[in-house]
Amino acid sequence: MRLEERMSQALKKVNNDRYILAIAVGQRADELSKGAKPLLDKNTQNMKYTDIAIDEIATGVLKIEGLVSKE
């Protein structure tokens, strides 16, 4: 899946709020850089921390607290 598609899915999970998404991706990438285990069911060895975080949010395995879903 291309980055644009993953970003679009991730934005939907945060009610299209780019600011919340940027904060969440930044925090998760920081956690990953400090040794947190990726939540994805695929090989993430060659992925950047930000890409892993975006994928985790886009696939729904990483929930962002404080968000009220409009679905």
PDB file of N, CA and C in Angstrom:
ATOM      1  N   MET A   1       0.849  -1.180   0.000  1.00  0.00           N
ATOM      2  CA  MET A   1       0.000   0.000   0.000  1.00  0.00           C
ATOM      3  C   MET A   1       0.895   1.244   0.000  1.00  0.00           C
ATOM      4  N   ARG A   2       0.511   2.225  -0.756  1.00  0.00           N
ATOM      5  CA  ARG A   2       1.302   3.445  -0.861  1.00  0.00           C
ATOM      6  C   ARG A   2       1.100   4.340   0.351  1.00  0.00           C
ATOM      7  N   LEU A   3       2.057   5.211   0.590  1.00  0.00           N
ATOM      8  CA  LEU A   3       2.016   6.101   1.746  1.00  0.00           C
ATOM      9  C   LEU A   3       0.754   6.965   1.747  1.00  0.00           C
ATOM     10  N   GLU A   4       0.352   7.461   0.581  1.00  0.00           N
ATOM     11  CA  GLU A   4      -0.836   8.317   0.512  1.00  0.00           C
ATOM     12  C   GLU A   4      -2.083   7.576   1.006  1.00  0.00           C
ATOM     13  N   GLU A   5      -2.175   6.300   0.632  1.00  0.00           N
ATOM     14  CA  GLU A   5      -3.331   5.499   1.047  1.00  0.00           C
ATOM     15  C   GLU A   5      -3.304   5.258   2.550  1.00  0.00           C
ATOM     16  N   ARG A   6      -2.103   4.955   3.086  1.00  0.00           N
ATOM     17  CA  ARG A   6      -1.971   4.716   4.526  1.00  0.00           C
ATOM     18  C   ARG A   6      -2.284   5.987   5.311  1.00  0.00           C
ATOM     19  N   MET A   7      -1.810   7.123   4.804  1.00  0.00           N
ATOM     20  CA  MET A   7      -2.079   8.404   5.474  1.00  0.00           C
ATOM     21  C   MET A   7      -3.581   8.703   5.464  1.00  0.00           C
ATOM     22  N   SER A   8      -4.233   8.418   4.360  1.00  0.00           N
ATOM     23  CA  SER A   8      -5.672   8.651   4.250  1.00  0.00           C
ATOM     24  C   SER A   8      -6.431   7.803   5.268  1.00  0.00           C
ATOM     25  N   GLN A   9      -6.050   6.539   5.394  1.00  0.00           N
ATOM     26  CA  GLN A   9      -6.701   5.660   6.373  1.00  0.00           C
ATOM     27  C   GLN A   9      -6.426   6.132   7.797  1.00  0.00           C
ATOM     28  N   ALA A  10      -5.188   6.532   8.060  1.00  0.00           N
ATOM     29  CA  ALA A  10      -4.830   7.001   9.398  1.00  0.00           C
ATOM     30  C   ALA A  10      -5.605   8.278   9.740  1.00  0.00           C
ATOM     31  N   LEU A  11      -5.755   9.167   8.780  1.00  0.00           N
ATOM     32  CA  LEU A  11      -6.510  10.401   9.019  1.00  0.00           C
ATOM     33  C   LEU A  11      -7.968  10.108   9.368  1.00  0.00           C
ATOM     34  N   LYS A  12      -8.543   9.105   8.711  1.00  0.00           N
ATOM     35  CA  LYS A  12      -9.925   8.733   9.021  1.00  0.00           C
ATOM     36  C   LYS A  12     -10.071   8.294  10.475  1.00  0.00           C
ATOM     37  N   LYS A  13      -9.026   7.644  11.014  1.00  0.00           N
ATOM     38  CA  LYS A  13      -9.075   7.151  12.397  1.00  0.00           C
ATOM     39  C   LYS A  13      -9.035   8.285  13.409  1.00  0.00           C
ATOM     40  N   VAL A  14      -8.547   9.465  12.997  1.00  0.00           N
ATOM     41  CA  VAL A  14      -8.462  10.610  13.917  1.00  0.00           C
ATOM     42  C   VAL A  14      -9.394  11.741  13.475  1.00  0.00           C
ATOM     43  N   ASN A  15     -10.488  11.375  12.846  1.00  0.00           N
ATOM     44  CA  ASN A  15     -11.503  12.338  12.392  1.00  0.00           C
ATOM     45  C   ASN A  15     -10.910  13.439  11.506  1.00  0.00           C
ATOM     46  N   ASN A  16      -9.952  13.056  10.658  1.00  0.00           N
ATOM     47  CA  ASN A  16      -9.298  13.966   9.711  1.00  0.00           C
ATOM     48  C   ASN A  16      -8.583  15.136  10.376  1.00  0.00           C
ATOM     49  N   ASP A  17      -8.126  14.940  11.613  1.00  0.00           N
ATOM     50  CA  ASP A  17      -7.393  15.983  12.324  1.00  0.00           C
ATOM     51  C   ASP A  17      -5.882  15.735  12.152  1.00  0.00           C
ATOM     52  N   ARG A  18      -5.283  16.490  11.251  1.00  0.00           N
ATOM     53  CA  ARG A  18      -3.862  16.296  10.944  1.00  0.00           C
ATOM     54  C   ARG A  18      -2.973  16.585  12.154  1.00  0.00           C
ATOM     55  N   TYR A  19      -3.386  17.529  12.986  1.00  0.00           N
ATOM     56  CA  TYR A  19      -2.590  17.872  14.169  1.00  0.00           C
ATOM     57  C   TYR A  19      -2.526  16.690  15.132  1.00  0.00           C
ATOM     58  N   ILE A  20      -3.675  16.091  15.415  1.00  0.00           N
ATOM     59  CA  ILE A  20      -3.708  14.932  16.315  1.00  0.00           C
ATOM     60  C   ILE A  20      -2.891  13.788  15.725  1.00  0.00           C
ATOM     61  N   LEU A  21      -3.028  13.571  14.418  1.00  0.00           N
ATOM     62  CA  LEU A  21      -2.277  12.497  13.772  1.00  0.00           C
ATOM     63  C   LEU A  21      -0.771  12.747  13.878  1.00  0.00           C
ATOM     64  N   ALA A  22      -0.349  13.984  13.641  1.00  0.00           N
ATOM     65  CA  ALA A  22       1.079  14.309  13.716  1.00  0.00           C
ATOM     66  C   ALA A  22       1.623  14.074  15.120  1.00  0.00           C
ATOM     67  N   ILE A  23       0.875  14.491  16.139  1.00  0.00           N
ATOM     68  CA  ILE A  23       1.299  14.293  17.526  1.00  0.00           C
ATOM     69  C   ILE A  23       1.377  12.795  17.834  1.00  0.00           C
ATOM     70  N   ALA A  24       0.348  12.052  17.441  1.00  0.00           N
ATOM     71  CA  ALA A  24       0.300  10.613  17.730  1.00  0.00           C
ATOM     72  C   ALA A  24       1.435   9.868  17.037  1.00  0.00           C
ATOM     73  N   VAL A  25       1.688  10.189  15.777  1.00  0.00           N
ATOM     74  CA  VAL A  25       2.766   9.527  15.033  1.00  0.00           C
ATOM     75  C   VAL A  25       4.108   9.864  15.671  1.00  0.00           C
ATOM     76  N   GLY A  26       4.296  11.118  16.041  1.00  0.00           N
ATOM     77  CA  GLY A  26       5.545  11.526  16.680  1.00  0.00           C
ATOM     78  C   GLY A  26       5.793  10.805  17.992  1.00  0.00           C
ATOM     79  N   GLN A  27       4.756  10.716  18.815  1.00  0.00           N
ATOM     80  CA  GLN A  27       4.897  10.039  20.102  1.00  0.00           C
ATOM     81  C   GLN A  27       5.168   8.548  19.915  1.00  0.00           C
ATOM     82  N   ARG A  28       4.451   7.924  18.998  1.00  0.00           N
ATOM     83  CA  ARG A  28       4.630   6.490  18.781  1.00  0.00           C
ATOM     84  C   ARG A  28       6.005   6.202  18.176  1.00  0.00           C
ATOM     85  N   ALA A  29       6.454   7.035  17.240  1.00  0.00           N
ATOM     86  CA  ALA A  29       7.774   6.857  16.643  1.00  0.00           C
ATOM     87  C   ALA A  29       8.852   6.982  17.716  1.00  0.00           C
ATOM     88  N   ASP A  30       8.653   7.892  18.661  1.00  0.00           N
ATOM     89  CA  ASP A  30       9.600   8.055  19.762  1.00  0.00           C
ATOM     90  C   ASP A  30       9.629   6.794  20.631  1.00  0.00           C
ATOM     91  N   GLU A  31       8.446   6.255  20.921  1.00  0.00           N
ATOM     92  CA  GLU A  31       8.367   5.012  21.707  1.00  0.00           C
ATOM     93  C   GLU A  31       9.103   3.875  20.988  1.00  0.00           C
ATOM     94  N   LEU A  32       8.883   3.766  19.684  1.00  0.00           N
ATOM     95  CA  LEU A  32       9.529   2.708  18.897  1.00  0.00           C
ATOM     96  C   LEU A  32      11.039   2.877  18.894  1.00  0.00           C
ATOM     97  N   SER A  33      11.499   4.120  18.803  1.00  0.00           N
ATOM     98  CA  SER A  33      12.947   4.368  18.777  1.00  0.00           C
ATOM     99  C   SER A  33      13.600   4.014  20.108  1.00  0.00           C
ATOM    100  N   LYS A  34      12.788   4.000  21.167  1.00  0.00           N
ATOM    101  CA  LYS A  34      13.314   3.673  22.502  1.00  0.00           C
ATOM    102  C   LYS A  34      13.113   2.205  22.862  1.00  0.00           C
ATOM    103  N   GLY A  35      12.689   1.401  21.880  1.00  0.00           N
ATOM    104  CA  GLY A  35      12.628  -0.035  22.100  1.00  0.00           C
ATOM    105  C   GLY A  35      11.250  -0.660  22.171  1.00  0.00           C
ATOM    106  N   ALA A  36      10.192   0.118  22.011  1.00  0.00           N
ATOM    107  CA  ALA A  36       8.840  -0.462  22.009  1.00  0.00           C
ATOM    108  C   ALA A  36       8.694  -1.408  20.823  1.00  0.00           C
ATOM    109  N   LYS A  37       7.958  -2.481  21.010  1.00  0.00           N
ATOM    110  CA  LYS A  37       7.756  -3.468  19.946  1.00  0.00           C
ATOM    111  C   LYS A  37       6.639  -3.016  19.007  1.00  0.00           C
ATOM    112  N   PRO A  38       6.878  -3.106  17.697  1.00  0.00           N
ATOM    113  CA  PRO A  38       5.814  -2.765  16.736  1.00  0.00           C
ATOM    114  C   PRO A  38       4.608  -3.691  16.913  1.00  0.00           C
ATOM    115  N   LEU A  39       3.415  -3.155  16.698  1.00  0.00           N
ATOM    116  CA  LEU A  39       2.178  -3.920  16.861  1.00  0.00           C
ATOM    117  C   LEU A  39       1.725  -4.561  15.549  1.00  0.00           C
ATOM    118  N   LEU A  40       2.461  -4.353  14.482  1.00  0.00           N
ATOM    119  CA  LEU A  40       2.055  -4.861  13.169  1.00  0.00           C
ATOM    120  C   LEU A  40       2.420  -6.333  13.006  1.00  0.00           C
ATOM    121  N   ASP A  41       1.635  -7.038  12.200  1.00  0.00           N
ATOM    122  CA  ASP A  41       1.870  -8.461  11.933  1.00  0.00           C
ATOM    123  C   ASP A  41       2.716  -8.669  10.679  1.00  0.00           C
ATOM    124  N   LYS A  42       3.637  -7.762  10.426  1.00  0.00           N
ATOM    125  CA  LYS A  42       4.505  -7.910   9.252  1.00  0.00           C
ATOM    126  C   LYS A  42       5.920  -7.504   9.644  1.00  0.00           C
ATOM    127  N   ASN A  43       6.868  -7.829   8.772  1.00  0.00           N
ATOM    128  CA  ASN A  43       8.266  -7.509   9.027  1.00  0.00           C
ATOM    129  C   ASN A  43       8.454  -5.996   8.938  1.00  0.00           C
ATOM    130  N   THR A  44       8.877  -5.391  10.038  1.00  0.00           N
ATOM    131  CA  THR A  44       9.053  -3.939  10.079  1.00  0.00           C
ATOM    132  C   THR A  44      10.523  -3.546  10.132  1.00  0.00           C
ATOM    133  N   GLN A  45      11.406  -4.509   9.896  1.00  0.00           N
ATOM    134  CA  GLN A  45      12.841  -4.277  10.060  1.00  0.00           C
ATOM    135  C   GLN A  45      13.384  -3.167   9.162  1.00  0.00           C
ATOM    136  N   ASN A  46      12.865  -3.050   7.958  1.00  0.00           N
ATOM    137  CA  ASN A  46      13.363  -2.043   7.013  1.00  0.00           C
ATOM    138  C   ASN A  46      12.467  -0.812   6.935  1.00  0.00           C
ATOM    139  N   MET A  47      11.574  -0.657   7.920  1.00  0.00           N
ATOM    140  CA  MET A  47      10.653   0.483   7.917  1.00  0.00           C
ATOM    141  C   MET A  47      11.137   1.558   8.877  1.00  0.00           C
ATOM    142  N   LYS A  48      10.816   2.801   8.554  1.00  0.00           N
ATOM    143  CA  LYS A  48      11.115   3.906   9.464  1.00  0.00           C
ATOM    144  C   LYS A  48      10.088   3.888  10.593  1.00  0.00           C
ATOM    145  N   TYR A  49      10.476   4.439  11.740  1.00  0.00           N
ATOM    146  CA  TYR A  49       9.579   4.458  12.897  1.00  0.00           C
ATOM    147  C   TYR A  49       8.276   5.206  12.586  1.00  0.00           C
ATOM    148  N   THR A  50       8.368   6.291  11.838  1.00  0.00           N
ATOM    149  CA  THR A  50       7.150   7.042  11.511  1.00  0.00           C
ATOM    150  C   THR A  50       6.221   6.222  10.618  1.00  0.00           C
ATOM    151  N   ASP A  51       6.795   5.454   9.677  1.00  0.00           N
ATOM    152  CA  ASP A  51       5.969   4.619   8.801  1.00  0.00           C
ATOM    153  C   ASP A  51       5.275   3.518   9.596  1.00  0.00           C
ATOM    154  N   ILE A  52       5.988   2.941  10.562  1.00  0.00           N
ATOM    155  CA  ILE A  52       5.371   1.918  11.419  1.00  0.00           C
ATOM    156  C   ILE A  52       4.213   2.532  12.187  1.00  0.00           C
ATOM    157  N   ALA A  53       4.433   3.708  12.754  1.00  0.00           N
ATOM    158  CA  ALA A  53       3.384   4.377  13.536  1.00  0.00           C
ATOM    159  C   ALA A  53       2.156   4.687  12.676  1.00  0.00           C
ATOM    160  N   ILE A  54       2.392   5.182  11.467  1.00  0.00           N
ATOM    161  CA  ILE A  54       1.273   5.478  10.558  1.00  0.00           C
ATOM    162  C   ILE A  54       0.504   4.208  10.237  1.00  0.00           C
ATOM    163  N   ASP A  55       1.221   3.123   9.944  1.00  0.00           N
ATOM    164  CA  ASP A  55       0.563   1.843   9.644  1.00  0.00           C
ATOM    165  C   ASP A  55      -0.227   1.333  10.842  1.00  0.00           C
ATOM    166  N   GLU A  56       0.325   1.467  12.034  1.00  0.00           N
ATOM    167  CA  GLU A  56      -0.373   1.004  13.235  1.00  0.00           C
ATOM    168  C   GLU A  56      -1.685   1.758  13.424  1.00  0.00           C
ATOM    169  N   ILE A  57      -1.655   3.054  13.193  1.00  0.00           N
ATOM    170  CA  ILE A  57      -2.879   3.858  13.332  1.00  0.00           C
ATOM    171  C   ILE A  57      -3.854   3.536  12.206  1.00  0.00           C
ATOM    172  N   ALA A  58      -3.353   3.448  10.980  1.00  0.00           N
ATOM    173  CA  ALA A  58      -4.211   3.198   9.812  1.00  0.00           C
ATOM    174  C   ALA A  58      -4.926   1.859   9.908  1.00  0.00           C
ATOM    175  N   THR A  59      -4.224   0.833  10.424  1.00  0.00           N
ATOM    176  CA  THR A  59      -4.847  -0.494  10.510  1.00  0.00           C
ATOM    177  C   THR A  59      -5.703  -0.648  11.756  1.00  0.00           C
ATOM    178  N   GLY A  60      -5.604   0.303  12.665  1.00  0.00           N
ATOM    179  CA  GLY A  60      -6.457   0.263  13.857  1.00  0.00           C
ATOM    180  C   GLY A  60      -5.874  -0.512  15.020  1.00  0.00           C
ATOM    181  N   VAL A  61      -4.627  -0.998  14.907  1.00  0.00           N
ATOM    182  CA  VAL A  61      -4.044  -1.737  16.032  1.00  0.00           C
ATOM    183  C   VAL A  61      -3.563  -0.790  17.124  1.00  0.00           C
ATOM    184  N   LEU A  62      -3.370   0.485  16.773  1.00  0.00           N
ATOM    185  CA  LEU A  62      -2.987   1.486  17.762  1.00  0.00           C
ATOM    186  C   LEU A  62      -4.130   2.478  17.891  1.00  0.00           C
ATOM    187  N   LYS A  63      -4.735   2.509  19.057  1.00  0.00           N
ATOM    188  CA  LYS A  63      -5.856   3.432  19.305  1.00  0.00           C
ATOM    189  C   LYS A  63      -5.319   4.699  19.931  1.00  0.00           C
ATOM    190  N   ILE A  64      -5.899   5.823  19.572  1.00  0.00           N
ATOM    191  CA  ILE A  64      -5.485   7.092  20.143  1.00  0.00           C
ATOM    192  C   ILE A  64      -6.500   7.498  21.201  1.00  0.00           C
ATOM    193  N   GLU A  65      -6.032   7.592  22.432  1.00  0.00           N
ATOM    194  CA  GLU A  65      -6.925   7.900  23.547  1.00  0.00           C
ATOM    195  C   GLU A  65      -7.474   9.315  23.439  1.00  0.00           C
ATOM    196  N   GLY A  66      -8.692   9.482  23.925  1.00  0.00           N
ATOM    197  CA  GLY A  66      -9.303  10.808  23.947  1.00  0.00           C
ATOM    198  C   GLY A  66     -10.062  11.154  22.685  1.00  0.00           C
ATOM    199  N   LEU A  67     -10.051  10.270  21.713  1.00  0.00           N
ATOM    200  CA  LEU A  67     -10.783  10.523  20.477  1.00  0.00           C
ATOM    201  C   LEU A  67     -12.159   9.888  20.529  1.00  0.00           C
ATOM    202  N   VAL A  68     -13.139  10.637  20.105  1.00  0.00           N
ATOM    203  CA  VAL A  68     -14.485  10.103  20.020  1.00  0.00           C
ATOM    204  C   VAL A  68     -14.756   9.800  18.554  1.00  0.00           C
ATOM    205  N   SER A  69     -14.991   8.540  18.259  1.00  0.00           N
ATOM    206  CA  SER A  69     -15.225   8.137  16.886  1.00  0.00           C
ATOM    207  C   SER A  69     -16.595   8.616  16.410  1.00  0.00           C
ATOM    208  N   LYS A  70     -16.654   9.081  15.159  1.00  0.00           N
ATOM    209  CA  LYS A  70     -17.920   9.542  14.579  1.00  0.00           C
ATOM    210  C   LYS A  70     -18.534   8.499  13.677  1.00  0.00           C
ATOM    211  N   GLU A  71     -18.053   7.259  13.791  1.00  0.00           N
ATOM    212  CA  GLU A  71     -18.557   6.199  12.908  1.00  0.00           C
ATOM    213  C   GLU A  71     -19.868   5.651  13.394  1.00  0.00           C
TER     214      GLU A  71
END
